[in-house]
Amino acid sequence: VSTQSTGGCTDDAWFIAALEDPAAPLPRICETCLVRRPLRSKHCSVCGKCVVRMDHHCVWIANCVGVNNHGHFLVFVLLCVILHAWFGTLVMRVLFTRGELTLALPSSLRLWLLWLFHAANCAWELTVLMMQLRGAFSNLTTNELINYRRYDQFRDGNPFSRGSIWRNLKDLFVPSLDWSATFRLASRSVHQV
């Protein structure tokens, strides 16, 4: 168990004091990992880990999107949108150049299917990008956007906003809080009874 100093006592002492004091707010404990976790952290059932400032688990990158890679994920989705839009435009240009705008020719059918593939991917990725930008502009995760009304911390507005879109984006790419000092997971030993 970590002995990181927190307000003059170790994590263990703080945890025990918080449990014994009825006026103190209970520490947020992951029911699966049994570790203390900060606000905005979630346990990912796919990865089997608690993720700091968890946005979502992404099957595209086979990983969770959280505090350390959220900005990178936003850039990744933006590049995917640009790539599929560019390829779709390129395919359409080939169709126009060849004069094969009808589905009658077998070669044009393949090109139309290729264009449809890129258009569908671009549309889906654009939807994901818009959702990510909406959250980034207000410094919220996708989870918080979806469950905004369920969380008590949003009763009086968004407590995580830095005041402007630019500061919120900066916090996405360069987090203002040192999460490594706030959220240090010690190695747990398994206690056999």
N, C-alpha and C. Protein backbone atom coordinates (compact mmCIF):
# COMPACT_ATOMS: atom_id res chain seq x y z
N VAL A 1 0.85 -1.18 0.00
CA VAL A 1 0.00 0.00 0.00
C VAL A 1 0.89 1.23 0.00
N SER A 2 0.49 2.23 -0.73
CA SER A 2 1.29 3.44 -0.87
C SER A 2 1.38 4.19 0.44
N THR A 3 2.52 4.80 0.69
CA THR A 3 2.70 5.64 1.86
C THR A 3 2.92 7.07 1.43
N GLN A 4 2.35 7.44 0.33
CA GLN A 4 2.45 8.80 -0.18
C GLN A 4 1.82 9.74 0.85
N SER A 5 2.48 10.84 1.13
CA SER A 5 1.97 11.78 2.12
C SER A 5 0.77 12.54 1.59
N THR A 6 -0.26 12.59 2.39
CA THR A 6 -1.47 13.32 2.02
C THR A 6 -1.94 14.10 3.24
N GLY A 7 -1.61 15.38 3.29
CA GLY A 7 -2.08 16.22 4.39
C GLY A 7 -1.54 15.81 5.74
N GLY A 8 -0.29 15.38 5.81
CA GLY A 8 0.33 15.05 7.08
C GLY A 8 0.16 13.61 7.51
N CYS A 9 -0.54 12.80 6.76
CA CYS A 9 -0.67 11.40 7.13
C CYS A 9 -0.53 10.53 5.88
N THR A 10 -0.24 9.29 6.10
CA THR A 10 -0.07 8.39 4.96
C THR A 10 -1.42 8.10 4.34
N ASP A 11 -1.40 7.53 3.14
CA ASP A 11 -2.66 7.19 2.47
C ASP A 11 -3.50 6.25 3.33
N ASP A 12 -2.84 5.30 4.00
CA ASP A 12 -3.57 4.37 4.85
C ASP A 12 -4.26 5.11 5.99
N ALA A 13 -3.52 6.01 6.64
CA ALA A 13 -4.08 6.75 7.77
C ALA A 13 -5.21 7.66 7.30
N TRP A 14 -5.04 8.30 6.16
CA TRP A 14 -6.10 9.16 5.62
C TRP A 14 -7.34 8.35 5.33
N PHE A 15 -7.15 7.18 4.73
CA PHE A 15 -8.27 6.31 4.38
C PHE A 15 -9.03 5.88 5.63
N ILE A 16 -8.30 5.44 6.65
CA ILE A 16 -8.93 4.99 7.89
C ILE A 16 -9.62 6.15 8.59
N ALA A 17 -8.97 7.33 8.61
CA ALA A 17 -9.57 8.51 9.24
C ALA A 17 -10.86 8.91 8.52
N ALA A 18 -10.85 8.83 7.19
CA ALA A 18 -12.04 9.19 6.41
C ALA A 18 -13.18 8.22 6.69
N LEU A 19 -12.86 6.96 6.89
CA LEU A 19 -13.91 5.97 7.18
C LEU A 19 -14.48 6.14 8.58
N GLU A 20 -13.63 6.56 9.54
CA GLU A 20 -14.07 6.69 10.92
C GLU A 20 -14.79 7.99 11.20
N ASP A 21 -14.55 9.03 10.40
CA ASP A 21 -15.18 10.33 10.61
C ASP A 21 -16.49 10.40 9.83
N PRO A 22 -17.65 10.45 10.53
CA PRO A 22 -18.92 10.46 9.81
C PRO A 22 -19.14 11.74 8.99
N ALA A 23 -18.45 12.83 9.32
CA ALA A 23 -18.62 14.08 8.58
C ALA A 23 -17.76 14.12 7.32
N ALA A 24 -16.73 13.30 7.27
CA ALA A 24 -15.82 13.32 6.13
C ALA A 24 -16.45 12.60 4.94
N PRO A 25 -16.24 13.14 3.75
CA PRO A 25 -16.75 12.41 2.57
C PRO A 25 -15.98 11.11 2.39
N LEU A 26 -16.70 10.08 2.03
CA LEU A 26 -16.04 8.80 1.84
C LEU A 26 -15.09 8.85 0.65
N PRO A 27 -13.94 8.23 0.78
CA PRO A 27 -13.02 8.19 -0.36
C PRO A 27 -13.62 7.36 -1.48
N ARG A 28 -13.31 7.73 -2.70
CA ARG A 28 -13.81 7.00 -3.85
C ARG A 28 -12.91 5.77 -4.04
N ILE A 29 -13.51 4.61 -3.90
CA ILE A 29 -12.79 3.35 -4.00
C ILE A 29 -13.34 2.57 -5.19
N CYS A 30 -12.45 2.04 -5.99
CA CYS A 30 -12.88 1.17 -7.09
C CYS A 30 -13.30 -0.16 -6.47
N GLU A 31 -14.51 -0.56 -6.75
CA GLU A 31 -15.03 -1.79 -6.18
C GLU A 31 -14.36 -3.03 -6.76
N THR A 32 -13.73 -2.90 -7.92
CA THR A 32 -13.07 -4.03 -8.55
C THR A 32 -11.60 -4.10 -8.16
N CYS A 33 -10.88 -2.97 -8.30
CA CYS A 33 -9.44 -2.93 -8.00
C CYS A 33 -9.16 -2.75 -6.51
N LEU A 34 -10.13 -2.20 -5.79
CA LEU A 34 -9.98 -1.88 -4.37
C LEU A 34 -8.85 -0.89 -4.12
N VAL A 35 -8.75 0.12 -4.97
CA VAL A 35 -7.79 1.19 -4.79
C VAL A 35 -8.54 2.51 -4.76
N ARG A 36 -7.95 3.49 -4.07
CA ARG A 36 -8.54 4.82 -4.04
C ARG A 36 -8.35 5.44 -5.41
N ARG A 37 -9.39 6.10 -5.90
CA ARG A 37 -9.29 6.72 -7.21
C ARG A 37 -9.88 8.13 -7.17
N PRO A 38 -9.30 9.04 -7.95
CA PRO A 38 -9.82 10.41 -7.95
C PRO A 38 -11.12 10.52 -8.73
N LEU A 39 -11.77 11.65 -8.58
CA LEU A 39 -12.95 11.97 -9.34
C LEU A 39 -12.64 11.88 -10.82
N ARG A 40 -13.59 11.47 -11.64
CA ARG A 40 -13.50 11.34 -13.09
C ARG A 40 -12.78 10.06 -13.52
N SER A 41 -12.38 9.24 -12.60
CA SER A 41 -11.75 7.96 -12.94
C SER A 41 -12.82 6.89 -13.00
N LYS A 42 -12.62 5.95 -13.89
CA LYS A 42 -13.56 4.84 -14.05
C LYS A 42 -12.78 3.55 -14.19
N HIS A 43 -13.43 2.45 -13.85
CA HIS A 43 -12.83 1.13 -14.05
C HIS A 43 -13.28 0.61 -15.40
N CYS A 44 -12.34 0.19 -16.22
CA CYS A 44 -12.66 -0.36 -17.53
C CYS A 44 -12.78 -1.87 -17.40
N SER A 45 -13.95 -2.37 -17.75
CA SER A 45 -14.17 -3.81 -17.65
C SER A 45 -13.42 -4.57 -18.74
N VAL A 46 -13.09 -3.91 -19.84
CA VAL A 46 -12.35 -4.57 -20.92
C VAL A 46 -10.88 -4.69 -20.56
N CYS A 47 -10.27 -3.58 -20.12
CA CYS A 47 -8.84 -3.57 -19.77
C CYS A 47 -8.58 -4.13 -18.37
N GLY A 48 -9.59 -4.07 -17.51
CA GLY A 48 -9.40 -4.54 -16.14
C GLY A 48 -8.59 -3.59 -15.29
N LYS A 49 -8.63 -2.28 -15.62
CA LYS A 49 -7.85 -1.28 -14.88
C LYS A 49 -8.70 -0.05 -14.61
N CYS A 50 -8.31 0.71 -13.61
CA CYS A 50 -8.90 2.02 -13.39
C CYS A 50 -8.16 3.00 -14.28
N VAL A 51 -8.90 3.86 -14.95
CA VAL A 51 -8.31 4.81 -15.89
C VAL A 51 -8.62 6.22 -15.41
N VAL A 52 -7.56 7.02 -15.26
CA VAL A 52 -7.71 8.39 -14.80
C VAL A 52 -8.34 9.23 -15.91
N ARG A 53 -9.34 10.02 -15.55
CA ARG A 53 -10.11 10.86 -16.48
C ARG A 53 -10.52 10.06 -17.71
N MET A 54 -11.18 8.94 -17.44
CA MET A 54 -11.56 8.02 -18.52
C MET A 54 -12.60 8.62 -19.44
N ASP A 55 -12.31 8.58 -20.73
CA ASP A 55 -13.27 9.01 -21.74
C ASP A 55 -14.10 7.81 -22.18
N HIS A 56 -13.45 6.78 -22.69
CA HIS A 56 -14.14 5.57 -23.11
C HIS A 56 -13.10 4.51 -23.46
N HIS A 57 -13.56 3.28 -23.61
CA HIS A 57 -12.69 2.23 -24.14
C HIS A 57 -12.90 2.20 -25.65
N CYS A 58 -11.82 2.27 -26.40
CA CYS A 58 -11.92 2.37 -27.85
C CYS A 58 -11.42 1.09 -28.51
N VAL A 59 -12.28 0.48 -29.31
CA VAL A 59 -11.88 -0.74 -30.01
C VAL A 59 -10.95 -0.43 -31.18
N TRP A 60 -10.97 0.79 -31.69
CA TRP A 60 -10.07 1.17 -32.79
C TRP A 60 -8.61 1.09 -32.36
N ILE A 61 -8.34 1.54 -31.14
CA ILE A 61 -6.95 1.55 -30.66
C ILE A 61 -6.70 0.44 -29.64
N ALA A 62 -7.72 -0.36 -29.35
CA ALA A 62 -7.64 -1.48 -28.41
C ALA A 62 -7.08 -1.02 -27.07
N ASN A 63 -7.59 0.12 -26.60
CA ASN A 63 -7.11 0.69 -25.34
C ASN A 63 -8.15 1.69 -24.84
N CYS A 64 -7.98 2.08 -23.60
CA CYS A 64 -8.84 3.12 -23.06
C CYS A 64 -8.31 4.49 -23.46
N VAL A 65 -9.22 5.44 -23.59
CA VAL A 65 -8.85 6.82 -23.82
C VAL A 65 -8.99 7.53 -22.49
N GLY A 66 -7.88 8.06 -22.00
CA GLY A 66 -7.87 8.71 -20.70
C GLY A 66 -6.96 9.92 -20.71
N VAL A 67 -6.51 10.31 -19.53
CA VAL A 67 -5.76 11.55 -19.38
C VAL A 67 -4.46 11.56 -20.20
N ASN A 68 -3.80 10.43 -20.34
CA ASN A 68 -2.49 10.42 -21.02
C ASN A 68 -2.57 10.32 -22.54
N ASN A 69 -3.72 9.94 -23.10
CA ASN A 69 -3.79 9.78 -24.56
C ASN A 69 -5.03 10.41 -25.19
N HIS A 70 -5.78 11.19 -24.44
CA HIS A 70 -7.00 11.78 -24.99
C HIS A 70 -6.70 12.76 -26.12
N GLY A 71 -5.71 13.59 -25.95
CA GLY A 71 -5.33 14.52 -27.01
C GLY A 71 -4.86 13.80 -28.26
N HIS A 72 -4.07 12.76 -28.06
CA HIS A 72 -3.61 11.95 -29.19
C HIS A 72 -4.78 11.30 -29.92
N PHE A 73 -5.76 10.83 -29.16
CA PHE A 73 -6.93 10.20 -29.77
C PHE A 73 -7.71 11.22 -30.61
N LEU A 74 -7.85 12.43 -30.11
CA LEU A 74 -8.55 13.47 -30.86
C LEU A 74 -7.85 13.75 -32.20
N VAL A 75 -6.54 13.82 -32.17
CA VAL A 75 -5.77 14.02 -33.41
C VAL A 75 -5.92 12.82 -34.33
N PHE A 76 -5.91 11.62 -33.77
CA PHE A 76 -6.09 10.40 -34.55
C PHE A 76 -7.42 10.40 -35.29
N VAL A 77 -8.49 10.75 -34.58
CA VAL A 77 -9.82 10.77 -35.22
C VAL A 77 -9.87 11.86 -36.29
N LEU A 78 -9.29 13.01 -36.03
CA LEU A 78 -9.25 14.08 -37.03
C LEU A 78 -8.52 13.62 -38.29
N LEU A 79 -7.39 12.93 -38.11
CA LEU A 79 -6.64 12.43 -39.26
C LEU A 79 -7.42 11.35 -40.02
N CYS A 80 -8.16 10.52 -39.31
CA CYS A 80 -9.00 9.50 -39.97
C CYS A 80 -10.07 10.17 -40.83
N VAL A 81 -10.70 11.22 -40.31
CA VAL A 81 -11.72 11.95 -41.08
C VAL A 81 -11.09 12.54 -42.33
N ILE A 82 -9.95 13.18 -42.18
CA ILE A 82 -9.27 13.79 -43.32
C ILE A 82 -8.88 12.74 -44.35
N LEU A 83 -8.35 11.61 -43.89
CA LEU A 83 -7.92 10.54 -44.79
C LEU A 83 -9.08 9.98 -45.60
N HIS A 84 -10.17 9.64 -44.93
CA HIS A 84 -11.31 9.07 -45.65
C HIS A 84 -11.98 10.09 -46.57
N ALA A 85 -12.03 11.35 -46.15
CA ALA A 85 -12.58 12.40 -47.03
C ALA A 85 -11.70 12.56 -48.27
N TRP A 86 -10.39 12.51 -48.06
CA TRP A 86 -9.46 12.66 -49.18
C TRP A 86 -9.58 11.49 -50.16
N PHE A 87 -9.60 10.26 -49.62
CA PHE A 87 -9.74 9.09 -50.49
C PHE A 87 -11.09 9.08 -51.21
N GLY A 88 -12.16 9.46 -50.51
CA GLY A 88 -13.47 9.54 -51.15
C GLY A 88 -13.49 10.56 -52.27
N THR A 89 -12.85 11.70 -52.04
CA THR A 89 -12.74 12.73 -53.08
C THR A 89 -11.91 12.23 -54.25
N LEU A 90 -10.84 11.51 -53.95
CA LEU A 90 -9.99 10.96 -55.00
C LEU A 90 -10.75 9.95 -55.87
N VAL A 91 -11.51 9.08 -55.25
CA VAL A 91 -12.32 8.10 -55.99
C VAL A 91 -13.36 8.81 -56.85
N MET A 92 -14.01 9.83 -56.29
CA MET A 92 -15.00 10.59 -57.06
C MET A 92 -14.35 11.29 -58.25
N ARG A 93 -13.15 11.79 -58.05
CA ARG A 93 -12.43 12.45 -59.15
C ARG A 93 -12.11 11.46 -60.27
N VAL A 94 -11.73 10.23 -59.90
CA VAL A 94 -11.47 9.20 -60.91
C VAL A 94 -12.75 8.89 -61.68
N LEU A 95 -13.86 8.79 -60.97
CA LEU A 95 -15.15 8.53 -61.63
C LEU A 95 -15.50 9.66 -62.61
N PHE A 96 -15.31 10.89 -62.21
CA PHE A 96 -15.59 12.02 -63.10
C PHE A 96 -14.64 12.03 -64.29
N THR A 97 -13.37 11.78 -64.03
CA THR A 97 -12.36 11.80 -65.11
C THR A 97 -12.66 10.73 -66.15
N ARG A 98 -13.04 9.55 -65.72
CA ARG A 98 -13.35 8.46 -66.64
C ARG A 98 -14.73 8.59 -67.26
N GLY A 99 -15.54 9.46 -66.71
CA GLY A 99 -16.91 9.59 -67.21
C GLY A 99 -17.77 8.40 -66.84
N GLU A 100 -17.47 7.74 -65.73
CA GLU A 100 -18.18 6.54 -65.29
C GLU A 100 -19.09 6.86 -64.10
N LEU A 101 -19.96 7.81 -64.26
CA LEU A 101 -20.85 8.18 -63.16
C LEU A 101 -22.08 7.30 -63.06
N THR A 102 -22.24 6.34 -63.95
CA THR A 102 -23.37 5.41 -63.88
C THR A 102 -22.89 4.09 -63.28
N LEU A 103 -23.81 3.35 -62.75
CA LEU A 103 -23.47 2.06 -62.14
C LEU A 103 -23.50 0.92 -63.16
N ALA A 104 -23.64 1.24 -64.43
CA ALA A 104 -23.79 0.20 -65.46
C ALA A 104 -22.49 -0.55 -65.72
N LEU A 105 -21.37 0.13 -65.63
CA LEU A 105 -20.09 -0.53 -65.93
C LEU A 105 -19.56 -1.24 -64.68
N PRO A 106 -19.02 -2.46 -64.85
CA PRO A 106 -18.49 -3.19 -63.69
C PRO A 106 -17.38 -2.43 -62.96
N SER A 107 -16.52 -1.75 -63.70
CA SER A 107 -15.43 -1.01 -63.05
C SER A 107 -15.97 0.17 -62.26
N SER A 108 -17.02 0.82 -62.74
CA SER A 108 -17.58 1.94 -62.00
C SER A 108 -18.31 1.45 -60.75
N LEU A 109 -18.88 0.26 -60.80
CA LEU A 109 -19.54 -0.30 -59.61
C LEU A 109 -18.53 -0.50 -58.49
N ARG A 110 -17.36 -1.01 -58.82
CA ARG A 110 -16.32 -1.19 -57.81
C ARG A 110 -15.86 0.15 -57.24
N LEU A 111 -15.73 1.14 -58.11
CA LEU A 111 -15.33 2.46 -57.64
C LEU A 111 -16.41 3.10 -56.76
N TRP A 112 -17.68 2.91 -57.14
CA TRP A 112 -18.76 3.43 -56.32
C TRP A 112 -18.79 2.76 -54.94
N LEU A 113 -18.53 1.45 -54.90
CA LEU A 113 -18.47 0.76 -53.61
C LEU A 113 -17.30 1.26 -52.77
N LEU A 114 -16.18 1.53 -53.44
CA LEU A 114 -15.02 2.09 -52.73
C LEU A 114 -15.35 3.47 -52.19
N TRP A 115 -16.04 4.28 -53.00
CA TRP A 115 -16.44 5.61 -52.55
C TRP A 115 -17.41 5.50 -51.37
N LEU A 116 -18.36 4.57 -51.45
CA LEU A 116 -19.32 4.37 -50.37
C LEU A 116 -18.63 3.97 -49.07
N PHE A 117 -17.62 3.11 -49.18
CA PHE A 117 -16.84 2.70 -48.01
C PHE A 117 -16.20 3.92 -47.35
N HIS A 118 -15.53 4.76 -48.13
CA HIS A 118 -14.87 5.93 -47.57
C HIS A 118 -15.87 6.96 -47.05
N ALA A 119 -16.98 7.14 -47.75
CA ALA A 119 -18.00 8.09 -47.30
C ALA A 119 -18.62 7.64 -45.98
N ALA A 120 -18.92 6.35 -45.85
CA ALA A 120 -19.51 5.84 -44.61
C ALA A 120 -18.53 5.97 -43.44
N ASN A 121 -17.26 5.61 -43.68
CA ASN A 121 -16.26 5.76 -42.62
C ASN A 121 -16.06 7.21 -42.23
N CYS A 122 -16.04 8.08 -43.22
CA CYS A 122 -15.86 9.50 -42.95
C CYS A 122 -17.03 10.04 -42.13
N ALA A 123 -18.24 9.63 -42.47
CA ALA A 123 -19.42 10.09 -41.73
C ALA A 123 -19.38 9.62 -40.27
N TRP A 124 -19.04 8.35 -40.07
CA TRP A 124 -18.97 7.82 -38.70
C TRP A 124 -17.86 8.50 -37.91
N GLU A 125 -16.70 8.65 -38.51
CA GLU A 125 -15.58 9.28 -37.82
C GLU A 125 -15.85 10.76 -37.54
N LEU A 126 -16.58 11.40 -38.44
CA LEU A 126 -16.95 12.80 -38.23
C LEU A 126 -17.89 12.93 -37.03
N THR A 127 -18.78 11.96 -36.86
CA THR A 127 -19.67 11.95 -35.69
C THR A 127 -18.86 11.79 -34.40
N VAL A 128 -17.89 10.87 -34.42
CA VAL A 128 -17.02 10.68 -33.25
C VAL A 128 -16.21 11.95 -33.00
N LEU A 129 -15.69 12.56 -34.04
CA LEU A 129 -14.90 13.79 -33.90
C LEU A 129 -15.74 14.91 -33.29
N MET A 130 -16.97 15.07 -33.74
CA MET A 130 -17.84 16.12 -33.20
C MET A 130 -18.11 15.89 -31.71
N MET A 131 -18.35 14.64 -31.33
CA MET A 131 -18.57 14.32 -29.92
C MET A 131 -17.31 14.60 -29.10
N GLN A 132 -16.16 14.23 -29.64
CA GLN A 132 -14.90 14.48 -28.94
C GLN A 132 -14.62 15.98 -28.81
N LEU A 133 -14.88 16.74 -29.87
CA LEU A 133 -14.66 18.18 -29.81
C LEU A 133 -15.63 18.85 -28.84
N ARG A 134 -16.85 18.39 -28.82
CA ARG A 134 -17.83 18.94 -27.87
C ARG A 134 -17.34 18.75 -26.44
N GLY A 135 -16.83 17.57 -26.15
CA GLY A 135 -16.28 17.34 -24.81
C GLY A 135 -15.01 18.12 -24.56
N ALA A 136 -14.13 18.17 -25.55
CA ALA A 136 -12.85 18.87 -25.39
C ALA A 136 -13.05 20.36 -25.16
N PHE A 137 -14.01 20.95 -25.87
CA PHE A 137 -14.25 22.39 -25.73
C PHE A 137 -14.77 22.76 -24.34
N SER A 138 -15.41 21.81 -23.67
CA SER A 138 -15.93 22.09 -22.33
C SER A 138 -15.18 21.32 -21.24
N ASN A 139 -14.09 20.65 -21.60
CA ASN A 139 -13.26 19.86 -20.69
C ASN A 139 -14.08 18.77 -20.00
N LEU A 140 -14.85 18.04 -20.80
CA LEU A 140 -15.62 16.91 -20.31
C LEU A 140 -15.25 15.66 -21.09
N THR A 141 -15.38 14.52 -20.47
CA THR A 141 -15.16 13.26 -21.16
C THR A 141 -16.47 12.83 -21.82
N THR A 142 -16.39 11.87 -22.72
CA THR A 142 -17.60 11.34 -23.36
C THR A 142 -18.53 10.76 -22.31
N ASN A 143 -17.97 10.06 -21.34
CA ASN A 143 -18.76 9.49 -20.25
C ASN A 143 -19.52 10.59 -19.50
N GLU A 144 -18.84 11.71 -19.23
CA GLU A 144 -19.50 12.81 -18.51
C GLU A 144 -20.57 13.49 -19.37
N LEU A 145 -20.31 13.61 -20.67
CA LEU A 145 -21.31 14.19 -21.57
C LEU A 145 -22.58 13.35 -21.60
N ILE A 146 -22.41 12.04 -21.67
CA ILE A 146 -23.56 11.14 -21.75
C ILE A 146 -24.33 11.09 -20.43
N ASN A 147 -23.60 11.10 -19.31
CA ASN A 147 -24.21 10.94 -17.99
C ASN A 147 -24.24 12.24 -17.19
N TYR A 148 -24.25 13.38 -17.86
CA TYR A 148 -24.16 14.69 -17.22
C TYR A 148 -25.16 14.86 -16.07
N ARG A 149 -26.38 14.44 -16.27
CA ARG A 149 -27.42 14.64 -15.26
C ARG A 149 -27.32 13.65 -14.09
N ARG A 150 -26.59 12.58 -14.27
CA ARG A 150 -26.49 11.56 -13.21
C ARG A 150 -25.45 11.89 -12.15
N TYR A 151 -24.47 12.73 -12.49
CA TYR A 151 -23.36 13.00 -11.58
C TYR A 151 -23.63 14.25 -10.73
N ASP A 152 -23.43 14.11 -9.42
CA ASP A 152 -23.69 15.21 -8.50
C ASP A 152 -22.79 16.42 -8.75
N GLN A 153 -21.56 16.20 -9.19
CA GLN A 153 -20.63 17.31 -9.35
C GLN A 153 -21.06 18.30 -10.43
N PHE A 154 -22.05 17.95 -11.27
CA PHE A 154 -22.52 18.84 -12.32
C PHE A 154 -23.80 19.58 -11.95
N ARG A 155 -24.20 19.48 -10.70
CA ARG A 155 -25.44 20.11 -10.26
C ARG A 155 -25.42 21.62 -10.47
N ASP A 156 -24.27 22.24 -10.23
CA ASP A 156 -24.14 23.70 -10.35
C ASP A 156 -23.36 24.10 -11.59
N GLY A 157 -23.37 23.28 -12.63
CA GLY A 157 -22.61 23.58 -13.85
C GLY A 157 -21.41 22.67 -13.99
N ASN A 158 -20.51 23.04 -14.87
CA ASN A 158 -19.34 22.23 -15.14
C ASN A 158 -18.16 22.68 -14.28
N PRO A 159 -17.79 21.91 -13.26
CA PRO A 159 -16.68 22.33 -12.40
C PRO A 159 -15.31 22.11 -13.04
N PHE A 160 -15.25 21.41 -14.16
CA PHE A 160 -13.96 21.08 -14.77
C PHE A 160 -13.55 22.05 -15.87
N SER A 161 -14.45 22.94 -16.26
CA SER A 161 -14.12 23.89 -17.32
C SER A 161 -13.06 24.86 -16.83
N ARG A 162 -12.11 25.17 -17.69
CA ARG A 162 -11.03 26.11 -17.37
C ARG A 162 -11.40 27.54 -17.75
N GLY A 163 -12.62 27.77 -18.23
CA GLY A 163 -13.07 29.12 -18.51
C GLY A 163 -13.11 29.49 -19.98
N SER A 164 -12.32 28.84 -20.80
CA SER A 164 -12.35 29.14 -22.23
C SER A 164 -12.05 27.86 -23.01
N ILE A 165 -12.45 27.88 -24.27
CA ILE A 165 -12.20 26.72 -25.14
C ILE A 165 -10.71 26.43 -25.22
N TRP A 166 -9.90 27.49 -25.36
CA TRP A 166 -8.45 27.31 -25.54
C TRP A 166 -7.81 26.70 -24.31
N ARG A 167 -8.22 27.16 -23.11
CA ARG A 167 -7.65 26.57 -21.88
C ARG A 167 -8.13 25.12 -21.69
N ASN A 168 -9.38 24.85 -22.09
CA ASN A 168 -9.88 23.48 -22.01
C ASN A 168 -9.11 22.57 -22.96
N LEU A 169 -8.84 23.04 -24.18
CA LEU A 169 -8.05 22.24 -25.13
C LEU A 169 -6.63 22.05 -24.62
N LYS A 170 -6.06 23.09 -24.02
CA LYS A 170 -4.71 22.97 -23.46
C LYS A 170 -4.69 21.90 -22.36
N ASP A 171 -5.73 21.88 -21.53
CA ASP A 171 -5.80 20.88 -20.46
C ASP A 171 -5.96 19.47 -21.02
N LEU A 172 -6.55 19.36 -22.21
CA LEU A 172 -6.69 18.06 -22.85
C LEU A 172 -5.33 17.54 -23.33
N PHE A 173 -4.55 18.43 -23.94
CA PHE A 173 -3.26 18.03 -24.50
C PHE A 173 -2.13 18.06 -23.46
N VAL A 174 -2.19 19.00 -22.53
CA VAL A 174 -1.19 19.12 -21.46
C VAL A 174 -1.96 19.27 -20.15
N PRO A 175 -2.29 18.16 -19.48
CA PRO A 175 -3.11 18.24 -18.26
C PRO A 175 -2.48 19.14 -17.21
N SER A 176 -3.30 20.00 -16.61
CA SER A 176 -2.80 20.96 -15.62
C SER A 176 -2.57 20.31 -14.26
N LEU A 177 -3.17 19.18 -14.03
CA LEU A 177 -3.01 18.49 -12.76
C LEU A 177 -2.05 17.33 -12.95
N ASP A 178 -1.11 17.19 -12.03
CA ASP A 178 -0.16 16.08 -12.10
C ASP A 178 -0.84 14.84 -11.54
N TRP A 179 -1.45 14.06 -12.44
CA TRP A 179 -2.20 12.89 -12.01
C TRP A 179 -1.29 11.81 -11.42
N SER A 180 -0.02 11.80 -11.79
CA SER A 180 0.87 10.77 -11.24
C SER A 180 1.08 10.98 -9.74
N ALA A 181 1.04 12.23 -9.29
CA ALA A 181 1.18 12.49 -7.85
C ALA A 181 -0.15 12.28 -7.13
N THR A 182 -1.24 12.50 -7.81
CA THR A 182 -2.56 12.37 -7.21
C THR A 182 -3.01 10.92 -7.16
N PHE A 183 -2.62 10.16 -8.15
CA PHE A 183 -3.17 8.81 -8.34
C PHE A 183 -2.03 7.84 -8.52
N ARG A 184 -1.44 7.42 -7.44
CA ARG A 184 -0.33 6.48 -7.52
C ARG A 184 -0.82 5.12 -7.05
N LEU A 185 -0.79 4.17 -7.94
CA LEU A 185 -1.22 2.82 -7.58
C LEU A 185 -0.02 2.04 -7.08
N ALA A 186 -0.12 1.58 -5.87
CA ALA A 186 0.93 0.73 -5.33
C ALA A 186 0.63 -0.70 -5.74
N SER A 187 1.66 -1.50 -5.80
CA SER A 187 1.41 -2.90 -6.13
C SER A 187 0.68 -3.55 -4.95
N ARG A 188 -0.35 -4.28 -5.26
CA ARG A 188 -1.13 -4.93 -4.20
C ARG A 188 -0.69 -6.37 -4.06
N SER A 189 -0.56 -6.80 -2.87
CA SER A 189 -0.29 -8.22 -2.67
C SER A 189 -1.61 -8.92 -2.38
N VAL A 190 -1.68 -10.16 -2.77
CA VAL A 190 -2.90 -10.92 -2.55
C VAL A 190 -2.84 -11.54 -1.17
N HIS A 191 -3.85 -11.25 -0.37
CA HIS A 191 -3.91 -11.79 0.98
C HIS A 191 -4.79 -13.03 0.96
N GLN A 192 -4.23 -14.13 1.38
CA GLN A 192 -5.01 -15.36 1.43
C GLN A 192 -5.53 -15.56 2.83
N VAL A 193 -6.78 -15.95 2.92
CA VAL A 193 -7.40 -16.13 4.23
C VAL A 193 -7.37 -17.59 4.61
